[in-house]
Amino acid sequence: MAERHRTARLGAYRISAELGDMNQAFSRCLRLGMLLIFVGCSSAPTGVGSIALLDVVPAGGAANVGIDAAIEVRFDNIVAPGATQPIALQVGECPGPVVFGVWSRTADGLGLRFEPSQSLSPSTLYTIHIGGGITGSEGEFVDLESQGLALGGTWVTRAMVMDMVGAGMGMSPIHNGPEWLYTNGMYGLAFTFSTGR
C-alpha cells in the first residue's frame, strides 16, 4: 500500500514537473510573441511616406491682402481632394468662425485652393488653419514641421481650441477632432493674414 502511494506521489511529481516545463515554455513563447508585437508596432509604417508643406498663400503674417486674392496651400506631392481634408479659413485668430466656401485640389494636384462663398471683408484678420491630418493622395502623412514655422505658421494648441470652443465663438466641433491632430499633439498650424481697406 505504501509502495502504491509512493508510486502515485512520484507520478504526480512527474506530471507537475512536466506541467511546469510546459508553463515555462508557454511563458517564453508568450514573452517572445509580445516582444515581436511590440517591435512590429513601434516600427515606422511601411509603404507610407509623407508629403511636405511647401507654401501658403497669402503667407503667414501678410498684410494688405486683396479681398479677392488667391488662397492656396502647396505641397511637394499630390494631395488628397480638398473636401476630405482638415483645412479651413477662419475669421480672426485661430480657431475662429469658419468662412463659408469650398476647398478643392488644384489642377496639378499639388495644392488646395479655397474659393469663398463671397469676397473677404476689408481690414479683417483671417487665419488659414491647416490640420495635422492632411494626407497625400496615397494616404501619406503630412510633414508640417520642415517648412511650416518658416512660412509664418504657429502651432495650434489644445488649450487654444478648447478655450475658443468654450467661449462660444462658433467653432465647429470637428476642428478639435482627431483629424486635426498632428504627431506632436498640436492641432495643426495657423497662418494669419490681414486684408487691406
Protein backbone atom coordinates (compact mmCIF):
# COMPACT_ATOMS: atom_id res chain seq x y z
CA MET A 1 0.00 0.00 0.00
CA ALA A 2 2.81 2.36 0.96
CA GLU A 3 4.54 1.46 -2.30
CA ARG A 4 1.41 2.34 -4.25
CA HIS A 5 1.20 5.78 -2.53
CA ARG A 6 4.88 6.39 -3.20
CA THR A 7 4.42 5.50 -6.90
CA ALA A 8 1.36 7.74 -7.11
CA ARG A 9 3.27 10.61 -5.50
CA LEU A 10 6.18 10.15 -7.91
CA GLY A 11 3.73 10.12 -10.83
CA ALA A 12 2.13 13.31 -9.53
CA TYR A 13 5.56 14.97 -9.18
CA ARG A 14 6.45 13.98 -12.75
CA ILE A 15 3.18 15.37 -14.09
CA SER A 16 3.67 18.55 -12.06
CA ALA A 17 7.24 18.90 -13.35
CA GLU A 18 6.11 18.32 -16.93
CA LEU A 19 3.32 20.90 -16.49
CA GLY A 20 5.86 23.29 -15.02
CA ASP A 21 8.10 22.81 -18.04
CA MET A 22 5.12 23.37 -20.33
CA ASN A 23 4.17 26.53 -18.42
CA GLN A 24 7.70 27.83 -18.72
CA ALA A 25 7.78 27.05 -22.43
CA PHE A 26 4.38 28.72 -22.88
CA SER A 27 5.54 31.73 -20.88
CA ARG A 28 8.67 32.02 -23.06
CA CYS A 29 6.56 31.83 -26.23
CA LEU A 30 4.17 34.43 -24.85
CA ARG A 31 7.02 36.81 -23.97
CA LEU A 32 8.59 36.31 -27.40
CA GLY A 33 5.24 36.95 -29.09
CA MET A 34 4.72 40.14 -27.07
CA LEU A 35 8.23 41.29 -27.98
CA LEU A 36 7.58 40.69 -31.67
CA ILE A 37 4.28 42.56 -31.46
CA PHE A 38 5.96 45.46 -29.64
CA VAL A 39 8.79 45.66 -32.17
CA GLY A 40 6.33 45.48 -35.04
CA CYS A 41 4.10 48.18 -33.59
CA SER A 42 6.94 50.50 -32.70
CA SER A 43 8.42 50.42 -36.19
CA ALA A 44 7.57 53.11 -38.70
CA PRO A 45 4.67 52.24 -41.02
CA THR A 46 5.91 50.53 -44.15
CA GLY A 47 4.89 51.79 -47.55
CA VAL A 48 3.57 55.11 -46.23
CA GLY A 49 5.68 58.20 -46.86
CA SER A 50 4.91 61.82 -46.27
CA ILE A 51 4.05 64.96 -48.17
CA ALA A 52 5.67 68.22 -47.07
CA LEU A 53 4.05 71.62 -46.82
CA LEU A 54 5.88 73.93 -49.26
CA ASP A 55 3.97 77.20 -49.43
CA VAL A 56 0.98 79.08 -48.05
CA VAL A 57 -0.65 81.95 -49.97
CA PRO A 58 -1.17 84.51 -48.52
CA ALA A 59 1.92 83.97 -46.41
CA GLY A 60 1.67 83.90 -42.63
CA GLY A 61 1.83 87.49 -41.37
CA ALA A 62 0.95 89.05 -44.75
CA ALA A 63 -0.80 92.44 -44.61
CA ASN A 64 -2.95 94.44 -47.04
CA VAL A 65 -4.03 91.28 -48.87
CA GLY A 66 -6.65 91.88 -51.56
CA ILE A 67 -10.19 90.77 -50.69
CA ASP A 68 -10.25 88.65 -53.86
CA ALA A 69 -6.68 87.30 -53.54
CA ALA A 70 -5.94 83.62 -54.15
CA ILE A 71 -5.92 81.43 -51.03
CA GLU A 72 -3.84 78.32 -51.59
CA VAL A 73 -1.70 75.79 -49.75
CA ARG A 74 1.02 73.92 -51.69
CA PHE A 75 2.74 70.57 -51.08
CA ASP A 76 5.66 68.66 -52.60
CA ASN A 77 3.47 65.75 -53.67
CA ILE A 78 -0.10 65.11 -54.80
CA VAL A 79 -2.57 65.80 -52.02
CA ALA A 80 -5.94 64.10 -51.42
CA PRO A 81 -9.03 66.05 -52.58
CA GLY A 82 -9.85 69.17 -50.57
CA ALA A 83 -13.33 68.18 -49.43
CA THR A 84 -11.87 65.37 -47.33
CA GLN A 85 -9.13 67.44 -45.67
CA PRO A 86 -8.93 69.12 -42.24
CA ILE A 87 -8.30 72.65 -43.51
CA ALA A 88 -10.26 75.86 -43.02
CA LEU A 89 -10.20 79.60 -43.49
CA GLN A 90 -11.32 81.29 -40.30
CA VAL A 91 -12.14 84.85 -39.27
CA GLY A 92 -9.75 86.30 -36.70
CA GLU A 93 -7.17 84.28 -34.84
CA CYS A 94 -7.32 80.51 -34.88
CA PRO A 95 -9.57 78.88 -34.14
CA GLY A 96 -12.33 81.32 -35.04
CA PRO A 97 -15.58 81.17 -37.01
CA VAL A 98 -15.20 79.39 -40.35
CA VAL A 99 -15.51 81.31 -43.62
CA PHE A 100 -18.00 79.59 -45.92
CA GLY A 101 -16.62 78.31 -49.19
CA VAL A 102 -15.06 75.28 -50.88
CA TRP A 103 -11.54 73.82 -50.68
CA SER A 104 -10.62 71.97 -53.87
CA ARG A 105 -7.50 70.37 -55.24
CA THR A 106 -5.55 72.41 -57.80
CA ALA A 107 -5.25 71.21 -61.41
CA ASP A 108 -1.72 69.88 -60.83
CA GLY A 109 -2.81 68.05 -57.66
CA LEU A 110 -0.08 69.70 -55.56
CA GLY A 111 -2.26 72.24 -53.80
CA LEU A 112 -5.55 73.01 -52.10
CA ARG A 113 -7.29 76.22 -53.15
CA PHE A 114 -10.09 77.98 -51.29
CA GLU A 115 -12.99 79.66 -53.06
CA PRO A 116 -15.04 81.67 -50.54
CA SER A 117 -18.78 81.96 -51.00
CA GLN A 118 -18.33 85.74 -51.11
CA SER A 119 -15.40 88.15 -51.12
CA LEU A 120 -13.44 88.56 -47.91
CA SER A 121 -14.12 91.60 -45.77
CA PRO A 122 -11.68 94.53 -45.93
CA SER A 123 -9.45 95.40 -42.95
CA THR A 124 -10.03 91.99 -41.38
CA LEU A 125 -7.74 89.38 -39.84
CA TYR A 126 -8.07 85.86 -41.26
CA THR A 127 -6.37 82.55 -40.46
CA ILE A 128 -5.67 79.55 -42.65
CA HIS A 129 -5.85 76.57 -40.28
CA ILE A 130 -4.04 73.51 -41.66
CA GLY A 131 -4.85 70.38 -39.68
CA GLY A 132 -2.29 67.73 -38.81
CA GLY A 133 -4.36 65.06 -40.53
CA ILE A 134 -3.82 66.35 -44.08
CA THR A 135 -2.95 63.40 -46.32
CA GLY A 136 -1.48 62.74 -49.72
CA SER A 137 -3.40 61.01 -52.49
CA GLU A 138 -1.94 57.65 -51.42
CA GLY A 139 -2.58 58.22 -47.71
CA GLU A 140 0.82 59.74 -46.96
CA PHE A 141 1.17 61.71 -43.74
CA VAL A 142 1.75 65.46 -43.89
CA ASP A 143 5.05 66.99 -42.78
CA LEU A 144 4.20 70.38 -41.27
CA GLU A 145 7.42 70.80 -39.30
CA SER A 146 10.06 71.13 -42.03
CA GLN A 147 8.71 74.38 -43.52
CA GLY A 148 5.61 75.31 -41.52
CA LEU A 149 7.14 77.66 -38.97
CA ALA A 150 9.48 79.20 -41.55
CA LEU A 151 6.40 80.04 -43.65
CA GLY A 152 4.95 82.04 -40.76
CA GLY A 153 2.81 79.34 -39.16
CA THR A 154 2.18 78.93 -35.44
CA TRP A 155 1.14 75.73 -33.68
CA VAL A 156 -2.50 75.46 -32.60
CA THR A 157 -2.58 74.10 -29.05
CA ARG A 158 -5.34 72.10 -27.41
CA ALA A 159 -5.82 74.94 -24.92
CA MET A 160 -6.41 77.40 -27.79
CA VAL A 161 -9.01 75.15 -29.37
CA MET A 162 -10.84 74.35 -26.14
CA ASP A 163 -10.80 77.99 -24.94
CA MET A 164 -12.34 79.19 -28.17
CA VAL A 165 -14.99 76.46 -28.16
CA GLY A 166 -15.83 77.27 -24.53
CA ALA A 167 -16.15 80.97 -25.37
CA GLY A 168 -18.86 80.14 -27.94
CA MET A 169 -17.01 81.55 -30.94
CA GLY A 170 -18.93 79.41 -33.40
CA MET A 171 -16.16 76.85 -33.67
CA SER A 172 -17.32 73.62 -35.26
CA PRO A 173 -16.59 70.54 -33.09
CA ILE A 174 -14.75 68.90 -35.99
CA HIS A 175 -11.93 71.44 -35.64
CA ASN A 176 -10.81 69.85 -32.39
CA GLY A 177 -11.27 66.27 -33.59
CA PRO A 178 -8.55 63.69 -34.16
CA GLU A 179 -8.22 64.57 -37.85
CA TRP A 180 -6.80 67.96 -36.81
CA LEU A 181 -4.14 66.47 -34.51
CA TYR A 182 -0.51 66.44 -35.62
CA THR A 183 2.08 63.94 -34.38
CA ASN A 184 3.38 66.43 -31.79
CA GLY A 185 -0.03 66.75 -30.11
CA MET A 186 -0.83 70.13 -31.67
CA TYR A 187 -3.95 70.85 -33.71
CA GLY A 188 -2.08 71.75 -36.88
CA LEU A 189 -0.69 75.13 -37.92
CA ALA A 190 -2.29 78.58 -38.17
CA PHE A 191 -1.27 81.16 -40.77
CA THR A 192 -2.77 84.61 -40.16
CA PHE A 193 -3.05 87.42 -42.71
CA SER A 194 -4.99 90.66 -42.88
CA THR A 195 -6.86 92.20 -45.76
CA GLY A 196 -6.43 95.78 -46.94
CA ARG A 197 -9.06 98.51 -46.99
